Amino acid sequence: MDLIVFIDYAGTLVFAISGILAGVKQKFDLFGVFILGFVTAVGGGTLRDLLIGSTPVSWMQNEIYIYLIMSAVPLCYLFKDTIVRMKKGIFLFDTIGIGLFTVLGLQKTLALGLSPLIAIMMGVVSAVFGGVIRDILSNQTPLIFRKEIYAFACLAGALVFLIANALIPEAFAMGLAIVTVIVIRITAIKQNWELPFNP
């Protein structure tokens, strides 16, 4: 399997789990939980594809995305008790998801011949807008609008990829970028890092 395809599938699954966990936490019914998982998994990628003119959007061209999201529902319910005990379960899956989707959005945009600046923007869009939709539908303030380090971690990961890709093999650059996003996000939460804010 191509590395980009693997990242796409893995990101879809972990974002679906993130959305489903948010739905379970809000006590949504089965349909509501599935919808939340679906929009979390494909929302950012759908917006990215529409912006760069890649239509029909990815999940409409390959049914495996729907199957991955559907498989995440029983997975979450089977391991519900374990996941609930993981106080930061949603955070963990969301963090992995933004790392994976940052690189995916960046790569897809670069492959169309668009500029690195636009590619960085689309990487961030891919990573965060599924979560924005999830938070809005579950009546939460989207993370991107809080002082937490969130979109900034995606931006940093995207920049790392662009620099590293010129120096080392692409697969290693992608891995380094994904790890960068995850490490920055986790460290920011543990150390209470916040972006400057002046009301």
N, C-alpha and C. Protein backbone atom coordinates (compact mmCIF):
# COMPACT_ATOMS: atom_id res chain seq x y z
N MET A 1 0.84 -1.20 0.00
CA MET A 1 0.00 0.00 0.00
C MET A 1 0.87 1.25 0.00
N ASP A 2 0.53 2.21 -0.84
CA ASP A 2 1.26 3.47 -0.90
C ASP A 2 1.19 4.18 0.45
N LEU A 3 2.29 4.84 0.84
CA LEU A 3 2.36 5.48 2.15
C LEU A 3 1.29 6.56 2.31
N ILE A 4 1.06 7.35 1.27
CA ILE A 4 0.05 8.40 1.34
C ILE A 4 -1.34 7.80 1.55
N VAL A 5 -1.62 6.71 0.87
CA VAL A 5 -2.92 6.04 1.02
C VAL A 5 -3.07 5.51 2.44
N PHE A 6 -2.00 4.92 2.96
CA PHE A 6 -2.04 4.41 4.34
C PHE A 6 -2.32 5.54 5.33
N ILE A 7 -1.65 6.68 5.16
CA ILE A 7 -1.86 7.82 6.04
C ILE A 7 -3.30 8.31 5.95
N ASP A 8 -3.83 8.33 4.73
CA ASP A 8 -5.21 8.76 4.51
C ASP A 8 -6.18 7.84 5.25
N TYR A 9 -6.01 6.54 5.11
CA TYR A 9 -6.90 5.58 5.76
C TYR A 9 -6.75 5.64 7.29
N ALA A 10 -5.50 5.71 7.74
CA ALA A 10 -5.25 5.75 9.18
C ALA A 10 -5.84 7.03 9.78
N GLY A 11 -5.65 8.15 9.10
CA GLY A 11 -6.21 9.41 9.59
C GLY A 11 -7.72 9.38 9.63
N THR A 12 -8.33 8.79 8.62
CA THR A 12 -9.79 8.67 8.59
C THR A 12 -10.30 7.87 9.78
N LEU A 13 -9.64 6.75 10.06
CA LEU A 13 -10.07 5.90 11.17
C LEU A 13 -9.92 6.59 12.51
N VAL A 14 -8.76 7.21 12.75
CA VAL A 14 -8.56 7.82 14.07
C VAL A 14 -9.44 9.06 14.26
N PHE A 15 -9.69 9.80 13.19
CA PHE A 15 -10.60 10.94 13.31
C PHE A 15 -12.04 10.47 13.52
N ALA A 16 -12.41 9.38 12.86
CA ALA A 16 -13.75 8.81 13.08
C ALA A 16 -13.91 8.41 14.55
N ILE A 17 -12.90 7.76 15.10
CA ILE A 17 -12.93 7.37 16.51
C ILE A 17 -13.06 8.60 17.40
N SER A 18 -12.31 9.65 17.07
CA SER A 18 -12.38 10.89 17.84
C SER A 18 -13.80 11.45 17.86
N GLY A 19 -14.44 11.47 16.69
CA GLY A 19 -15.80 11.98 16.61
C GLY A 19 -16.80 11.10 17.33
N ILE A 20 -16.64 9.79 17.19
CA ILE A 20 -17.53 8.85 17.85
C ILE A 20 -17.42 8.97 19.37
N LEU A 21 -16.21 9.10 19.86
CA LEU A 21 -16.00 9.26 21.31
C LEU A 21 -16.67 10.53 21.81
N ALA A 22 -16.59 11.59 21.01
CA ALA A 22 -17.26 12.85 21.40
C ALA A 22 -18.77 12.64 21.45
N GLY A 23 -19.30 11.88 20.50
CA GLY A 23 -20.73 11.59 20.48
C GLY A 23 -21.16 10.75 21.67
N VAL A 24 -20.36 9.75 22.00
CA VAL A 24 -20.64 8.90 23.17
C VAL A 24 -20.63 9.75 24.44
N LYS A 25 -19.65 10.63 24.54
CA LYS A 25 -19.54 11.50 25.71
C LYS A 25 -20.78 12.39 25.86
N GLN A 26 -21.34 12.82 24.73
CA GLN A 26 -22.53 13.68 24.76
C GLN A 26 -23.83 12.87 24.82
N LYS A 27 -23.69 11.53 24.87
CA LYS A 27 -24.83 10.62 24.97
C LYS A 27 -25.74 10.70 23.72
N PHE A 28 -25.13 10.84 22.55
CA PHE A 28 -25.89 10.81 21.30
C PHE A 28 -26.36 9.39 21.04
N ASP A 29 -27.42 9.24 20.21
CA ASP A 29 -27.85 7.91 19.82
C ASP A 29 -26.90 7.37 18.75
N LEU A 30 -27.15 6.12 18.32
CA LEU A 30 -26.24 5.47 17.38
C LEU A 30 -26.09 6.26 16.08
N PHE A 31 -27.20 6.78 15.56
CA PHE A 31 -27.12 7.55 14.33
C PHE A 31 -26.32 8.83 14.53
N GLY A 32 -26.57 9.50 15.65
CA GLY A 32 -25.84 10.73 15.96
C GLY A 32 -24.36 10.49 16.11
N VAL A 33 -24.02 9.39 16.75
CA VAL A 33 -22.62 9.03 16.94
C VAL A 33 -21.93 8.79 15.59
N PHE A 34 -22.63 8.08 14.69
CA PHE A 34 -22.07 7.81 13.37
C PHE A 34 -21.87 9.11 12.59
N ILE A 35 -22.86 10.00 12.61
CA ILE A 35 -22.77 11.27 11.89
C ILE A 35 -21.59 12.08 12.41
N LEU A 36 -21.41 12.10 13.74
CA LEU A 36 -20.30 12.87 14.31
C LEU A 36 -18.96 12.26 13.90
N GLY A 37 -18.89 10.94 13.89
CA GLY A 37 -17.67 10.28 13.43
C GLY A 37 -17.41 10.56 11.97
N PHE A 38 -18.48 10.58 11.17
CA PHE A 38 -18.34 10.79 9.72
C PHE A 38 -17.82 12.19 9.42
N VAL A 39 -18.45 13.21 9.99
CA VAL A 39 -18.05 14.59 9.67
C VAL A 39 -16.65 14.90 10.21
N THR A 40 -16.30 14.26 11.33
CA THR A 40 -14.96 14.47 11.88
C THR A 40 -13.91 13.86 10.94
N ALA A 41 -14.23 12.69 10.42
CA ALA A 41 -13.27 11.97 9.57
C ALA A 41 -13.08 12.60 8.21
N VAL A 42 -14.16 13.09 7.60
CA VAL A 42 -14.06 13.56 6.21
C VAL A 42 -14.29 15.06 6.03
N GLY A 43 -14.67 15.75 7.11
CA GLY A 43 -14.99 17.18 6.98
C GLY A 43 -13.84 18.03 6.48
N GLY A 44 -12.67 17.87 7.09
CA GLY A 44 -11.51 18.67 6.69
C GLY A 44 -11.06 18.34 5.28
N GLY A 45 -11.03 17.05 4.95
CA GLY A 45 -10.61 16.62 3.62
C GLY A 45 -11.58 17.07 2.54
N THR A 46 -12.88 17.07 2.87
CA THR A 46 -13.89 17.53 1.92
C THR A 46 -13.70 19.01 1.60
N LEU A 47 -13.51 19.82 2.63
CA LEU A 47 -13.30 21.25 2.43
C LEU A 47 -12.02 21.49 1.62
N ARG A 48 -10.96 20.76 1.94
CA ARG A 48 -9.68 20.89 1.20
C ARG A 48 -9.89 20.57 -0.28
N ASP A 49 -10.56 19.45 -0.55
CA ASP A 49 -10.76 19.04 -1.95
C ASP A 49 -11.60 20.06 -2.72
N LEU A 50 -12.61 20.61 -2.07
CA LEU A 50 -13.43 21.62 -2.74
C LEU A 50 -12.61 22.87 -3.05
N LEU A 51 -11.75 23.27 -2.11
CA LEU A 51 -10.94 24.47 -2.30
C LEU A 51 -9.90 24.32 -3.40
N ILE A 52 -9.33 23.11 -3.53
CA ILE A 52 -8.29 22.92 -4.55
C ILE A 52 -8.86 22.36 -5.85
N GLY A 53 -10.19 22.21 -5.91
CA GLY A 53 -10.83 21.77 -7.14
C GLY A 53 -10.69 20.30 -7.44
N SER A 54 -10.49 19.48 -6.40
CA SER A 54 -10.36 18.04 -6.59
C SER A 54 -11.72 17.38 -6.32
N THR A 55 -12.52 17.29 -7.35
CA THR A 55 -13.86 16.73 -7.18
C THR A 55 -14.12 15.62 -8.21
N PRO A 56 -15.00 14.66 -7.89
CA PRO A 56 -15.68 14.48 -6.60
C PRO A 56 -14.65 14.30 -5.46
N VAL A 57 -15.02 14.71 -4.28
CA VAL A 57 -14.10 14.66 -3.14
C VAL A 57 -13.72 13.21 -2.84
N SER A 58 -12.63 13.04 -2.12
CA SER A 58 -12.00 11.72 -1.94
C SER A 58 -12.95 10.62 -1.50
N TRP A 59 -13.76 10.89 -0.46
CA TRP A 59 -14.58 9.81 0.09
C TRP A 59 -15.70 9.39 -0.85
N MET A 60 -16.02 10.22 -1.83
CA MET A 60 -17.04 9.85 -2.82
C MET A 60 -16.48 8.96 -3.92
N GLN A 61 -15.17 8.91 -4.03
CA GLN A 61 -14.53 8.11 -5.06
C GLN A 61 -14.07 6.74 -4.57
N ASN A 62 -14.12 6.56 -3.26
CA ASN A 62 -13.62 5.32 -2.68
C ASN A 62 -14.45 4.97 -1.44
N GLU A 63 -15.24 3.91 -1.53
CA GLU A 63 -16.16 3.56 -0.44
C GLU A 63 -15.45 3.07 0.82
N ILE A 64 -14.16 2.81 0.73
CA ILE A 64 -13.44 2.31 1.91
C ILE A 64 -13.48 3.33 3.05
N TYR A 65 -13.58 4.63 2.71
CA TYR A 65 -13.67 5.64 3.76
C TYR A 65 -14.94 5.43 4.60
N ILE A 66 -16.04 5.14 3.94
CA ILE A 66 -17.30 4.90 4.65
C ILE A 66 -17.20 3.63 5.49
N TYR A 67 -16.57 2.60 4.94
CA TYR A 67 -16.41 1.35 5.68
C TYR A 67 -15.52 1.55 6.91
N LEU A 68 -14.48 2.36 6.77
CA LEU A 68 -13.59 2.63 7.91
C LEU A 68 -14.36 3.34 9.02
N ILE A 69 -15.18 4.31 8.64
CA ILE A 69 -15.95 5.04 9.64
C ILE A 69 -16.99 4.13 10.29
N MET A 70 -17.63 3.29 9.49
CA MET A 70 -18.61 2.35 10.03
C MET A 70 -17.95 1.36 10.99
N SER A 71 -16.74 0.93 10.66
CA SER A 71 -16.04 -0.03 11.52
C SER A 71 -15.62 0.60 12.84
N ALA A 72 -15.45 1.92 12.84
CA ALA A 72 -15.04 2.60 14.06
C ALA A 72 -16.14 2.61 15.11
N VAL A 73 -17.40 2.53 14.66
CA VAL A 73 -18.52 2.57 15.61
C VAL A 73 -18.53 1.34 16.53
N PRO A 74 -18.56 0.10 15.98
CA PRO A 74 -18.52 -1.05 16.89
C PRO A 74 -17.21 -1.14 17.67
N LEU A 75 -16.13 -0.68 17.05
CA LEU A 75 -14.84 -0.69 17.74
C LEU A 75 -14.91 0.13 19.02
N CYS A 76 -15.50 1.32 18.92
CA CYS A 76 -15.63 2.19 20.09
C CYS A 76 -16.58 1.61 21.13
N TYR A 77 -17.67 0.99 20.67
CA TYR A 77 -18.63 0.43 21.61
C TYR A 77 -18.10 -0.82 22.30
N LEU A 78 -17.34 -1.63 21.56
CA LEU A 78 -16.76 -2.85 22.15
C LEU A 78 -15.75 -2.52 23.24
N PHE A 79 -15.01 -1.43 23.02
CA PHE A 79 -13.97 -1.05 23.97
C PHE A 79 -14.35 0.22 24.72
N LYS A 80 -15.67 0.44 24.83
CA LYS A 80 -16.17 1.67 25.44
C LYS A 80 -15.64 1.88 26.85
N ASP A 81 -15.71 0.84 27.67
CA ASP A 81 -15.28 0.97 29.07
C ASP A 81 -13.80 1.31 29.16
N THR A 82 -13.01 0.66 28.32
CA THR A 82 -11.57 0.94 28.32
C THR A 82 -11.32 2.38 27.89
N ILE A 83 -12.03 2.82 26.85
CA ILE A 83 -11.84 4.16 26.32
C ILE A 83 -12.29 5.21 27.33
N VAL A 84 -13.40 4.95 28.01
CA VAL A 84 -13.90 5.89 29.01
C VAL A 84 -12.86 6.06 30.13
N ARG A 85 -12.19 4.95 30.49
CA ARG A 85 -11.16 5.05 31.53
C ARG A 85 -9.95 5.84 31.05
N MET A 86 -9.80 5.93 29.73
CA MET A 86 -8.74 6.76 29.17
C MET A 86 -9.26 8.19 29.13
N LYS A 87 -9.01 8.95 30.15
CA LYS A 87 -9.59 10.28 30.27
C LYS A 87 -9.29 11.16 29.07
N LYS A 88 -8.17 10.90 28.44
CA LYS A 88 -7.78 11.75 27.32
C LYS A 88 -7.88 11.00 26.00
N GLY A 89 -8.84 10.06 25.93
CA GLY A 89 -9.00 9.26 24.71
C GLY A 89 -9.29 10.10 23.48
N ILE A 90 -10.25 11.02 23.61
CA ILE A 90 -10.59 11.87 22.48
C ILE A 90 -9.38 12.71 22.08
N PHE A 91 -8.70 13.25 23.08
CA PHE A 91 -7.53 14.08 22.81
C PHE A 91 -6.45 13.29 22.07
N LEU A 92 -6.21 12.04 22.49
CA LEU A 92 -5.18 11.22 21.88
C LEU A 92 -5.49 10.95 20.41
N PHE A 93 -6.71 10.51 20.12
CA PHE A 93 -7.06 10.20 18.74
C PHE A 93 -7.11 11.46 17.88
N ASP A 94 -7.57 12.55 18.44
CA ASP A 94 -7.61 13.81 17.71
C ASP A 94 -6.19 14.28 17.37
N THR A 95 -5.28 14.12 18.32
CA THR A 95 -3.89 14.55 18.11
C THR A 95 -3.22 13.73 17.02
N ILE A 96 -3.42 12.42 17.05
CA ILE A 96 -2.87 11.56 15.98
C ILE A 96 -3.48 11.95 14.64
N GLY A 97 -4.78 12.20 14.66
CA GLY A 97 -5.48 12.56 13.42
C GLY A 97 -4.96 13.83 12.79
N ILE A 98 -4.74 14.87 13.59
CA ILE A 98 -4.27 16.12 13.00
C ILE A 98 -2.86 15.98 12.45
N GLY A 99 -2.05 15.12 13.08
CA GLY A 99 -0.72 14.88 12.55
C GLY A 99 -0.76 14.21 11.19
N LEU A 100 -1.58 13.18 11.08
CA LEU A 100 -1.71 12.43 9.82
C LEU A 100 -2.31 13.30 8.72
N PHE A 101 -3.37 14.03 9.04
CA PHE A 101 -4.07 14.80 8.01
C PHE A 101 -3.32 16.06 7.59
N THR A 102 -2.47 16.58 8.46
CA THR A 102 -1.63 17.72 8.05
C THR A 102 -0.75 17.33 6.88
N VAL A 103 -0.07 16.19 7.03
CA VAL A 103 0.82 15.71 5.97
C VAL A 103 0.03 15.33 4.72
N LEU A 104 -1.10 14.69 4.91
CA LEU A 104 -1.91 14.27 3.77
C LEU A 104 -2.38 15.48 2.95
N GLY A 105 -2.92 16.50 3.61
CA GLY A 105 -3.39 17.68 2.90
C GLY A 105 -2.27 18.42 2.20
N LEU A 106 -1.12 18.48 2.86
CA LEU A 106 0.05 19.13 2.28
C LEU A 106 0.49 18.41 1.01
N GLN A 107 0.61 17.10 1.09
CA GLN A 107 1.06 16.30 -0.05
C GLN A 107 0.09 16.37 -1.22
N LYS A 108 -1.20 16.28 -0.93
CA LYS A 108 -2.19 16.29 -2.01
C LYS A 108 -2.17 17.63 -2.74
N THR A 109 -1.99 18.71 -2.01
CA THR A 109 -1.96 20.04 -2.62
C THR A 109 -0.70 20.24 -3.44
N LEU A 110 0.44 19.80 -2.92
CA LEU A 110 1.70 19.91 -3.66
C LEU A 110 1.64 19.10 -4.95
N ALA A 111 0.97 17.93 -4.89
CA ALA A 111 0.88 17.06 -6.06
C ALA A 111 0.12 17.72 -7.21
N LEU A 112 -0.73 18.70 -6.88
CA LEU A 112 -1.48 19.42 -7.91
C LEU A 112 -0.69 20.60 -8.47
N GLY A 113 0.52 20.79 -7.96
CA GLY A 113 1.37 21.86 -8.46
C GLY A 113 1.13 23.21 -7.83
N LEU A 114 0.38 23.25 -6.73
CA LEU A 114 0.14 24.52 -6.05
C LEU A 114 1.34 24.88 -5.18
N SER A 115 1.42 26.13 -4.77
CA SER A 115 2.60 26.63 -4.06
C SER A 115 2.72 26.04 -2.65
N PRO A 116 3.93 26.02 -2.10
CA PRO A 116 4.11 25.53 -0.72
C PRO A 116 3.26 26.26 0.30
N LEU A 117 3.08 27.58 0.11
CA LEU A 117 2.26 28.35 1.05
C LEU A 117 0.82 27.85 1.04
N ILE A 118 0.25 27.65 -0.14
CA ILE A 118 -1.12 27.14 -0.24
C ILE A 118 -1.18 25.72 0.31
N ALA A 119 -0.13 24.94 0.06
CA ALA A 119 -0.09 23.55 0.55
C ALA A 119 -0.11 23.52 2.08
N ILE A 120 0.62 24.43 2.70
CA ILE A 120 0.61 24.51 4.17
C ILE A 120 -0.79 24.84 4.67
N MET A 121 -1.43 25.81 4.03
CA MET A 121 -2.79 26.19 4.43
C MET A 121 -3.75 25.02 4.28
N MET A 122 -3.64 24.27 3.20
CA MET A 122 -4.53 23.14 2.98
C MET A 122 -4.22 21.99 3.94
N GLY A 123 -2.97 21.87 4.34
CA GLY A 123 -2.62 20.87 5.35
C GLY A 123 -3.33 21.17 6.67
N VAL A 124 -3.33 22.44 7.05
CA VAL A 124 -4.00 22.85 8.28
C VAL A 124 -5.51 22.68 8.16
N VAL A 125 -6.07 23.05 7.01
CA VAL A 125 -7.51 22.88 6.77
C VAL A 125 -7.89 21.41 6.90
N SER A 126 -7.12 20.53 6.26
CA SER A 126 -7.38 19.09 6.32
C SER A 126 -7.40 18.60 7.76
N ALA A 127 -6.46 19.12 8.55
CA ALA A 127 -6.27 18.62 9.91
C ALA A 127 -7.32 19.11 10.90
N VAL A 128 -7.72 20.37 10.79
CA VAL A 128 -8.51 20.94 11.88
C VAL A 128 -10.01 21.10 11.62
N PHE A 129 -10.44 21.15 10.35
CA PHE A 129 -11.83 21.50 10.12
C PHE A 129 -12.81 20.36 10.38
N GLY A 130 -12.36 19.12 10.31
CA GLY A 130 -13.23 18.03 10.75
C GLY A 130 -13.53 18.17 12.23
N GLY A 131 -12.50 18.53 13.00
CA GLY A 131 -12.67 18.74 14.44
C GLY A 131 -13.54 19.95 14.74
N VAL A 132 -13.44 20.98 13.90
CA VAL A 132 -14.30 22.16 14.08
C VAL A 132 -15.77 21.77 13.94
N ILE A 133 -16.07 21.01 12.89
CA ILE A 133 -17.46 20.56 12.68
C ILE A 133 -17.91 19.68 13.84
N ARG A 134 -17.04 18.75 14.27
CA ARG A 134 -17.36 17.87 15.41
C ARG A 134 -17.71 18.68 16.64
N ASP A 135 -16.88 19.68 16.97
CA ASP A 135 -17.10 20.46 18.18
C ASP A 135 -18.38 21.29 18.10
N ILE A 136 -18.64 21.86 16.93
CA ILE A 136 -19.86 22.65 16.76
C ILE A 136 -21.11 21.78 16.94
N LEU A 137 -21.10 20.59 16.31
CA LEU A 137 -22.25 19.70 16.40
C LEU A 137 -22.44 19.13 17.81
N SER A 138 -21.36 19.04 18.57
CA SER A 138 -21.47 18.53 19.94
C SER A 138 -21.52 19.67 20.96
N ASN A 139 -21.81 20.89 20.45
CA ASN A 139 -22.04 22.06 21.30
C ASN A 139 -20.80 22.43 22.14
N GLN A 140 -19.64 22.33 21.51
CA GLN A 140 -18.40 22.72 22.16
C GLN A 140 -17.75 23.87 21.38
N THR A 141 -16.98 24.70 22.06
CA THR A 141 -16.21 25.72 21.36
C THR A 141 -15.07 25.04 20.61
N PRO A 142 -14.99 25.19 19.29
CA PRO A 142 -13.92 24.51 18.53
C PRO A 142 -12.54 24.84 19.07
N LEU A 143 -11.68 23.82 19.10
CA LEU A 143 -10.33 24.00 19.64
C LEU A 143 -9.56 25.09 18.91
N ILE A 144 -9.81 25.24 17.61
CA ILE A 144 -9.08 26.22 16.82
C ILE A 144 -9.36 27.65 17.29
N PHE A 145 -10.48 27.85 17.99
CA PHE A 145 -10.84 29.18 18.45
C PHE A 145 -10.43 29.41 19.91
N ARG A 146 -9.77 28.45 20.51
CA ARG A 146 -9.30 28.62 21.88
C ARG A 146 -7.82 28.99 21.87
N LYS A 147 -7.30 29.28 23.05
CA LYS A 147 -5.89 29.68 23.13
C LYS A 147 -4.93 28.50 23.07
N GLU A 148 -5.47 27.28 23.09
CA GLU A 148 -4.62 26.09 23.06
C GLU A 148 -3.79 26.04 21.78
N ILE A 149 -2.62 25.39 21.88
CA ILE A 149 -1.79 25.14 20.70
C ILE A 149 -2.44 24.00 19.92
N TYR A 150 -3.03 24.31 18.78
CA TYR A 150 -3.75 23.32 17.99
C TYR A 150 -3.39 23.45 16.51
N ALA A 151 -3.95 24.45 15.85
CA ALA A 151 -3.61 24.68 14.45
C ALA A 151 -2.13 25.02 14.30
N PHE A 152 -1.57 25.68 15.31
CA PHE A 152 -0.14 26.04 15.27
C PHE A 152 0.73 24.79 15.19
N ALA A 153 0.32 23.72 15.87
CA ALA A 153 1.09 22.47 15.81
C ALA A 153 1.09 21.91 14.39
N CYS A 154 -0.05 22.03 13.72
CA CYS A 154 -0.15 21.57 12.32
C CYS A 154 0.74 22.41 11.42
N LEU A 155 0.74 23.72 11.65
CA LEU A 155 1.58 24.63 10.88
C LEU A 155 3.05 24.27 11.04
N ALA A 156 3.45 24.01 12.28
CA ALA A 156 4.84 23.64 12.54
C ALA A 156 5.20 22.33 11.85
N GLY A 157 4.30 21.35 11.92
CA GLY A 157 4.55 20.07 11.26
C GLY A 157 4.68 20.21 9.76
N ALA A 158 3.84 21.07 9.17
CA ALA A 158 3.89 21.29 7.73
C ALA A 158 5.22 21.92 7.32
N LEU A 159 5.69 22.87 8.10
CA LEU A 159 6.98 23.52 7.81
C LEU A 159 8.13 22.52 7.94
N VAL A 160 8.05 21.67 8.96
CA VAL A 160 9.07 20.64 9.14
C VAL A 160 9.14 19.72 7.93
N PHE A 161 7.97 19.35 7.42
CA PHE A 161 7.95 18.47 6.25
C PHE A 161 8.61 19.13 5.05
N LEU A 162 8.26 20.38 4.78
CA LEU A 162 8.81 21.06 3.61
C LEU A 162 10.33 21.18 3.69
N ILE A 163 10.84 21.44 4.88
CA ILE A 163 12.29 21.55 5.06
C ILE A 163 12.96 20.18 4.98
N ALA A 164 12.38 19.22 5.73
CA ALA A 164 12.98 17.89 5.78
C ALA A 164 12.93 17.18 4.44
N ASN A 165 11.89 17.42 3.67
CA ASN A 165 11.72 16.73 2.40
C ASN A 165 12.82 17.09 1.39
N ALA A 166 13.45 18.23 1.62
CA ALA A 166 14.55 18.64 0.75
C ALA A 166 15.87 18.01 1.17
N LEU A 167 15.87 17.39 2.35
CA LEU A 167 17.12 16.88 2.91
C LEU A 167 17.16 15.36 3.08
N ILE A 168 16.00 14.76 3.32
CA ILE A 168 15.93 13.33 3.60
C ILE A 168 14.82 12.70 2.75
N PRO A 169 14.78 11.36 2.65
CA PRO A 169 13.71 10.71 1.87
C PRO A 169 12.32 11.13 2.34
N GLU A 170 11.40 11.17 1.39
CA GLU A 170 10.05 11.67 1.66
C GLU A 170 9.36 10.94 2.81
N ALA A 171 9.49 9.62 2.87
CA ALA A 171 8.81 8.85 3.92
C ALA A 171 9.28 9.28 5.31
N PHE A 172 10.59 9.54 5.44
CA PHE A 172 11.13 9.97 6.73
C PHE A 172 10.67 11.39 7.05
N ALA A 173 10.59 12.23 6.02
CA ALA A 173 10.12 13.60 6.22
C ALA A 173 8.67 13.60 6.70
N MET A 174 7.86 12.72 6.12
CA MET A 174 6.46 12.63 6.52
C MET A 174 6.34 12.17 7.97
N GLY A 175 7.11 11.15 8.31
CA GLY A 175 7.09 10.65 9.68
C GLY A 175 7.53 11.71 10.67
N LEU A 176 8.57 12.45 10.31
CA LEU A 176 9.08 13.51 11.18
C LEU A 176 8.03 14.60 11.38
N ALA A 177 7.33 14.95 10.30
CA ALA A 177 6.30 15.99 10.40
C ALA A 177 5.14 15.54 11.29
N ILE A 178 4.71 14.30 11.13
CA ILE A 178 3.61 13.77 11.94
C ILE A 178 4.00 13.75 13.42
N VAL A 179 5.20 13.29 13.70
CA VAL A 179 5.69 13.25 15.09
C VAL A 179 5.79 14.67 15.66
N THR A 180 6.21 15.61 14.84
CA THR A 180 6.32 17.01 15.28
C THR A 180 4.98 17.54 15.74
N VAL A 181 3.94 17.31 14.94
CA VAL A 181 2.60 17.77 15.31
C VAL A 181 2.16 17.15 16.62
N ILE A 182 2.34 15.85 16.74
CA ILE A 182 1.89 15.13 17.94
C ILE A 182 2.64 15.59 19.18
N VAL A 183 3.96 15.71 19.07
CA VAL A 183 4.79 16.10 20.22
C VAL A 183 4.46 17.53 20.66
N ILE A 184 4.33 18.44 19.71
CA ILE A 184 4.01 19.83 20.07
C ILE A 184 2.66 19.90 20.77
N ARG A 185 1.68 19.19 20.23
CA ARG A 185 0.32 19.23 20.80
C ARG A 185 0.30 18.65 22.21
N ILE A 186 0.92 17.50 22.40
CA ILE A 186 0.93 16.86 23.72
C ILE A 186 1.73 17.70 24.72
N THR A 187 2.90 18.18 24.30
CA THR A 187 3.74 18.99 25.19
C THR A 187 3.02 20.29 25.57
N ALA A 188 2.33 20.89 24.62
CA ALA A 188 1.61 22.14 24.89
C ALA A 188 0.56 21.95 25.97
N ILE A 189 -0.15 20.82 25.91
CA ILE A 189 -1.17 20.55 26.93
C ILE A 189 -0.53 20.30 28.28
N LYS A 190 0.53 19.49 28.29
CA LYS A 190 1.19 19.17 29.56
C LYS A 190 1.84 20.39 30.21
N GLN A 191 2.38 21.28 29.38
CA GLN A 191 3.09 22.45 29.90
C GLN A 191 2.21 23.70 29.94
N ASN A 192 0.93 23.54 29.56
CA ASN A 192 0.00 24.67 29.55
C ASN A 192 0.46 25.81 28.65
N TRP A 193 1.05 25.45 27.52
CA TRP A 193 1.43 26.48 26.55
C TRP A 193 0.18 27.04 25.89
N GLU A 194 0.18 28.34 25.67
CA GLU A 194 -0.93 28.98 24.98
C GLU A 194 -0.38 30.03 24.03
N LEU A 195 -1.13 30.29 22.97
CA LEU A 195 -0.76 31.37 22.07
C LEU A 195 -1.07 32.70 22.74
N PRO A 196 -0.26 33.73 22.44
CA PRO A 196 -0.53 35.07 23.02
C PRO A 196 -1.94 35.52 22.69
N PHE A 197 -2.57 36.14 23.69
CA PHE A 197 -3.94 36.58 23.49
C PHE A 197 -4.15 37.90 24.22
N ASN A 198 -4.66 38.89 23.49
CA ASN A 198 -4.94 40.19 24.11
C ASN A 198 -6.40 40.55 23.88
N PRO A 199 -7.22 40.47 24.93
CA PRO A 199 -8.63 40.79 24.78
C PRO A 199 -8.85 42.26 24.44
